[in-house]
């Protein structure tokens, strides 16, 4: 993961690819040794969850693993900052990444698929750890760059409410079934890192067969409305209602 060696021209090339194609790829982000270690972690995690859907949030849930190292890597965070700054024209003050190891398998994995959403973070990066080799692979699906970055959290919330309802979700799923060419579909490969504007792109994953396994390491950078008092109040209300911490963008990428 030689983040510190990225030139300004290479960063600009990544931004151009995301703007034009909807995403960019950094091949071989994980070494074979790192990938093997992460696959063993996924196998143990899924087994402990009864061979069903499970998501591990934060560095503290994957101590000593490559995911722990990447989540605290100054070089990786700086690369995300440079990409975000180049795209928005604003330098983010965020010094951390929001991360999740998301494992789709079993009936729970199917329930967590085909849920279209926008992220709250400008940049989303995904590194597949395990992907089915055939059948229902859980490919990344998106309508890239569909909205601008909202200056108002309320306007952002309206965008999400308009998507997060059964009628729009059903409409989008029907479009996937009837007109797959409308969407950008990415057959991700383990060990590669995929980058896209999670905030601006409506995205989800395709279903995964119940007897298959799709595991991805997801890193988010720069929460656009992280300092919004309204967002903070709503988050606290949701936490009180649920009786647990809420991780807004964790379950659905």
Protein backbone atom coordinates (compact mmCIF):
# COMPACT_ATOMS: atom_id res chain seq x y z
CA UNK A 1 0.00 0.00 0.00
CA UNK A 2 2.50 2.68 -1.15
CA UNK A 3 0.21 5.68 -0.58
CA UNK A 4 3.05 8.10 -0.01
CA UNK A 5 4.34 7.56 -3.54
CA UNK A 6 1.23 8.91 -5.28
CA UNK A 7 2.09 11.98 -7.35
CA UNK A 8 -0.28 14.87 -7.90
CA UNK A 9 -0.75 13.63 -11.46
CA UNK A 10 -1.76 10.17 -10.24
CA UNK A 11 -4.25 11.66 -7.77
CA UNK A 12 -5.69 13.81 -10.54
CA UNK A 13 -5.99 10.69 -12.72
CA UNK A 14 -7.97 8.89 -10.00
CA UNK A 15 -10.32 11.86 -9.66
CA UNK A 16 -10.81 12.00 -13.43
CA UNK A 17 -11.67 8.28 -13.55
CA UNK A 18 -14.23 8.61 -10.75
CA UNK A 19 -15.79 11.64 -12.44
CA UNK A 20 -15.98 10.03 -15.88
CA UNK A 21 -16.47 6.32 -15.17
CA UNK A 22 -18.05 6.46 -11.72
CA UNK A 23 -15.15 4.72 -10.01
CA UNK A 24 -11.39 4.17 -10.02
CA UNK A 25 -9.34 1.07 -9.20
CA UNK A 26 -6.00 0.59 -7.46
CA UNK A 27 -4.98 -3.01 -8.31
CA UNK A 28 -3.11 -5.12 -5.78
CA UNK A 29 -3.87 -2.90 -2.78
CA UNK A 30 -3.52 -5.91 -0.50
CA UNK A 31 -0.51 -8.19 -0.84
CA UNK A 32 -1.15 -11.95 -1.20
CA UNK A 33 -0.04 -12.44 2.41
CA UNK A 34 -2.36 -9.69 3.68
CA UNK A 35 -5.26 -11.02 1.64
CA UNK A 36 -4.77 -14.55 2.99
CA UNK A 37 -4.70 -13.19 6.55
CA UNK A 38 -7.90 -11.23 5.99
CA UNK A 39 -9.65 -14.20 4.41
CA UNK A 40 -8.85 -16.27 7.50
CA UNK A 41 -10.27 -13.47 9.66
CA UNK A 42 -13.46 -13.46 7.58
CA UNK A 43 -13.82 -17.24 7.82
CA UNK A 44 -13.56 -17.12 11.63
CA UNK A 45 -15.89 -14.10 11.88
CA UNK A 46 -18.61 -15.67 9.74
CA UNK A 47 -18.38 -18.99 11.59
CA UNK A 48 -18.76 -17.19 14.92
CA UNK A 49 -21.88 -15.49 13.54
CA UNK A 50 -23.53 -18.79 12.68
CA UNK A 51 -22.60 -18.60 8.99
CA UNK A 52 -24.83 -15.60 8.43
CA UNK A 53 -24.47 -11.87 7.77
CA UNK A 54 -22.11 -9.99 10.07
CA UNK A 55 -20.42 -6.56 10.02
CA UNK A 56 -17.48 -5.48 12.17
CA UNK A 57 -17.29 -1.72 12.70
CA UNK A 58 -14.17 0.25 13.53
CA UNK A 59 -10.50 -0.60 13.99
CA UNK A 60 -11.17 -1.92 17.47
CA UNK A 61 -13.09 -4.86 16.01
CA UNK A 62 -10.15 -6.05 13.86
CA UNK A 63 -7.08 -5.52 16.10
CA UNK A 64 -3.69 -6.50 14.72
CA UNK A 65 -5.02 -7.09 11.21
CA UNK A 66 -4.16 -5.23 8.00
CA UNK A 67 -7.52 -3.49 8.35
CA UNK A 68 -6.36 -2.11 11.69
CA UNK A 69 -3.15 -0.89 10.06
CA UNK A 70 -4.91 0.75 7.11
CA UNK A 71 -7.50 2.40 9.31
CA UNK A 72 -4.76 4.28 11.18
CA UNK A 73 -2.39 4.79 8.25
CA UNK A 74 -1.42 8.45 7.88
CA UNK A 75 -0.48 7.78 4.26
CA UNK A 76 -3.87 6.25 3.43
CA UNK A 77 -5.75 9.05 5.20
CA UNK A 78 -3.61 11.64 3.41
CA UNK A 79 -4.34 9.99 0.05
CA UNK A 80 -8.07 10.15 0.79
CA UNK A 81 -7.67 13.79 1.82
CA UNK A 82 -5.84 14.66 -1.41
CA UNK A 83 -8.48 12.95 -3.55
CA UNK A 84 -11.31 14.65 -1.69
CA UNK A 85 -9.62 18.04 -1.83
CA UNK A 86 -8.94 17.69 -5.53
CA UNK A 87 -12.61 16.92 -6.16
CA UNK A 88 -14.22 19.49 -3.86
CA UNK A 89 -11.62 22.26 -3.77
CA UNK A 90 -11.74 22.16 0.03
CA UNK A 91 -9.20 20.62 2.38
CA UNK A 92 -10.88 18.29 4.85
CA UNK A 93 -9.88 18.48 8.49
CA UNK A 94 -10.88 14.85 9.07
CA UNK A 95 -7.98 12.85 10.49
CA UNK A 96 -9.70 9.46 10.70
CA UNK A 97 -11.50 6.95 8.50
CA UNK A 98 -14.82 5.26 9.23
CA UNK A 99 -14.38 1.58 8.47
CA UNK A 100 -16.32 -1.67 8.36
CA UNK A 101 -15.67 -5.29 7.49
CA UNK A 102 -18.94 -6.43 5.92
CA UNK A 103 -19.61 -10.14 5.33
CA UNK A 104 -22.60 -11.19 3.22
CA UNK A 105 -23.70 -14.81 3.36
CA UNK A 106 -26.77 -16.81 4.30
CA UNK A 107 -30.29 -15.44 4.45
CA UNK A 108 -29.11 -12.32 6.28
CA UNK A 109 -26.75 -11.52 3.42
CA UNK A 110 -29.62 -11.53 0.95
CA UNK A 111 -31.68 -9.22 3.15
CA UNK A 112 -28.76 -6.76 3.23
CA UNK A 113 -28.51 -6.60 -0.57
CA UNK A 114 -30.14 -4.34 -3.17
CA UNK A 115 -30.69 -1.51 -0.70
CA UNK A 116 -29.95 1.66 -2.64
CA UNK A 117 -28.52 4.57 -0.67
CA UNK A 118 -26.27 7.62 -0.60
CA UNK A 119 -23.37 7.78 1.85
CA UNK A 120 -22.76 10.73 4.15
CA UNK A 121 -19.07 10.69 3.22
CA UNK A 122 -17.58 12.20 0.07
CA UNK A 123 -15.20 9.32 -0.67
CA UNK A 124 -15.98 5.63 -0.32
CA UNK A 125 -13.32 2.98 -0.86
CA UNK A 126 -13.99 -0.76 -0.97
CA UNK A 127 -11.49 -3.58 -0.93
CA UNK A 128 -13.03 -7.03 -1.50
CA UNK A 129 -11.60 -9.75 0.71
CA UNK A 130 -13.74 -12.65 -0.54
CA UNK A 131 -15.94 -12.71 -3.66
CA UNK A 132 -17.89 -15.62 -5.16
CA UNK A 133 -16.28 -16.78 -8.40
CA UNK A 134 -19.58 -17.49 -10.16
CA UNK A 135 -23.35 -17.18 -9.79
CA UNK A 136 -24.69 -14.36 -7.64
CA UNK A 137 -21.46 -12.51 -6.84
CA UNK A 138 -22.79 -9.41 -5.09
CA UNK A 139 -21.35 -7.02 -7.68
CA UNK A 140 -21.22 -3.32 -6.79
CA UNK A 141 -24.04 -1.48 -8.56
CA UNK A 142 -24.43 2.28 -8.88
CA UNK A 143 -25.93 5.26 -10.59
CA UNK A 144 -22.77 7.37 -10.35
CA UNK A 145 -22.58 11.05 -9.48
CA UNK A 146 -26.34 11.61 -9.36
CA UNK A 147 -26.36 14.54 -6.95
CA UNK A 148 -24.09 17.42 -5.94
CA UNK A 149 -22.59 17.82 -2.50
CA UNK A 150 -25.31 19.51 -0.48
CA UNK A 151 -24.36 22.50 1.63
CA UNK A 152 -27.37 21.92 3.86
CA UNK A 153 -27.76 18.81 5.99
CA UNK A 154 -31.53 19.17 5.68
CA UNK A 155 -31.29 18.99 1.88
CA UNK A 156 -29.06 15.93 2.21
CA UNK A 157 -31.61 14.35 4.53
CA UNK A 158 -34.36 14.99 1.99
CA UNK A 159 -32.31 13.19 -0.67
CA UNK A 160 -32.01 10.18 1.58
CA UNK A 161 -35.67 10.14 2.59
CA UNK A 162 -36.69 10.23 -1.08
CA UNK A 163 -34.65 7.06 -1.67
CA UNK A 164 -35.10 5.22 1.61
CA UNK A 165 -38.71 4.10 1.20
CA UNK A 166 -40.32 0.93 -0.09
CA UNK A 167 -41.76 2.49 -3.25
CA UNK A 168 -38.53 3.96 -4.60
CA UNK A 169 -36.52 0.90 -3.54
CA UNK A 170 -38.97 -1.36 -5.40
CA UNK A 171 -38.81 0.91 -8.47
CA UNK A 172 -35.01 0.78 -8.48
CA UNK A 173 -34.92 -3.00 -8.05
CA UNK A 174 -37.36 -3.37 -10.94
CA UNK A 175 -35.11 -1.17 -13.07
CA UNK A 176 -32.18 -3.43 -12.26
CA UNK A 177 -34.17 -6.46 -13.38
CA UNK A 178 -35.55 -4.84 -16.52
CA UNK A 179 -32.79 -2.49 -17.69
CA UNK A 180 -29.41 -3.44 -16.33
CA UNK A 181 -27.61 -1.19 -18.84
CA UNK A 182 -28.72 1.91 -16.94
CA UNK A 183 -26.50 1.04 -14.00
CA UNK A 184 -22.74 0.85 -13.64
CA UNK A 185 -22.00 -2.69 -12.50
CA UNK A 186 -18.56 -3.52 -11.13
CA UNK A 187 -17.35 -7.10 -10.78
CA UNK A 188 -14.83 -6.46 -8.03
CA UNK A 189 -11.71 -8.57 -7.53
CA UNK A 190 -10.25 -9.47 -4.11
CA UNK A 191 -7.23 -7.40 -3.17
CA UNK A 192 -8.04 -4.43 -5.44
CA UNK A 193 -9.21 -1.10 -3.98
CA UNK A 194 -12.22 0.57 -5.60
CA UNK A 195 -12.91 4.28 -5.07
CA UNK A 196 -16.04 6.30 -5.83
CA UNK A 197 -18.01 9.33 -4.66
CA UNK A 198 -20.23 7.57 -2.12
CA UNK A 199 -21.99 10.80 -1.20
CA UNK A 200 -22.93 11.63 -4.79
CA UNK A 201 -23.60 8.12 -6.15
CA UNK A 202 -26.72 6.05 -5.54
CA UNK A 203 -25.32 2.59 -4.90
CA UNK A 204 -25.85 -0.89 -3.51
CA UNK A 205 -24.67 -4.45 -3.99
CA UNK A 206 -26.29 -7.21 -6.01
CA UNK A 207 -27.53 -10.28 -4.09
CA UNK A 208 -25.20 -13.04 -2.95
CA UNK A 209 -26.15 -16.72 -3.01
CA UNK A 210 -26.92 -18.00 0.50
CA UNK A 211 -24.18 -20.62 0.28
CA UNK A 212 -21.60 -18.12 -1.02
CA UNK A 213 -19.58 -15.41 0.75
CA UNK A 214 -18.90 -11.78 -0.16
CA UNK A 215 -16.69 -9.91 2.29
CA UNK A 216 -15.55 -6.33 1.78
CA UNK A 217 -13.48 -3.85 3.76
CA UNK A 218 -15.16 -0.44 3.45
CA UNK A 219 -13.46 2.85 4.33
CA UNK A 220 -15.31 6.20 4.30
CA UNK A 221 -13.63 9.62 4.34
CA UNK A 222 -14.95 13.13 5.01
CA UNK A 223 -18.42 13.27 6.49
CA UNK A 224 -19.84 16.34 4.75
CA UNK A 225 -22.31 17.14 7.53
CA UNK A 226 -20.31 15.79 10.44
CA UNK A 227 -20.42 19.13 12.25
CA UNK A 228 -24.16 19.67 11.71
CA UNK A 229 -26.02 20.17 15.00
CA UNK A 230 -29.21 18.84 13.40
CA UNK A 231 -27.44 15.68 12.28
CA UNK A 232 -26.03 15.24 15.79
CA UNK A 233 -29.44 15.60 17.41
CA UNK A 234 -31.07 13.16 15.01
CA UNK A 235 -28.27 10.65 15.51
CA UNK A 236 -28.63 10.83 19.29
CA UNK A 237 -32.38 10.35 18.99
CA UNK A 238 -31.88 7.27 16.84
CA UNK A 239 -29.33 5.87 19.27
CA UNK A 240 -31.79 6.32 22.12
CA UNK A 241 -34.57 4.64 20.13
CA UNK A 242 -32.38 1.72 19.10
CA UNK A 243 -30.57 1.41 22.39
CA UNK A 244 -27.26 1.08 20.57
CA UNK A 245 -24.76 3.06 18.51
CA UNK A 246 -25.84 3.87 14.97
CA UNK A 247 -23.34 3.67 12.13
CA UNK A 248 -25.15 5.37 9.29
CA UNK A 249 -23.26 4.11 6.26
CA UNK A 250 -21.96 0.83 7.62
CA UNK A 251 -24.57 -1.78 6.68
CA UNK A 252 -25.23 -1.05 3.02
CA UNK A 253 -22.13 -0.77 0.85
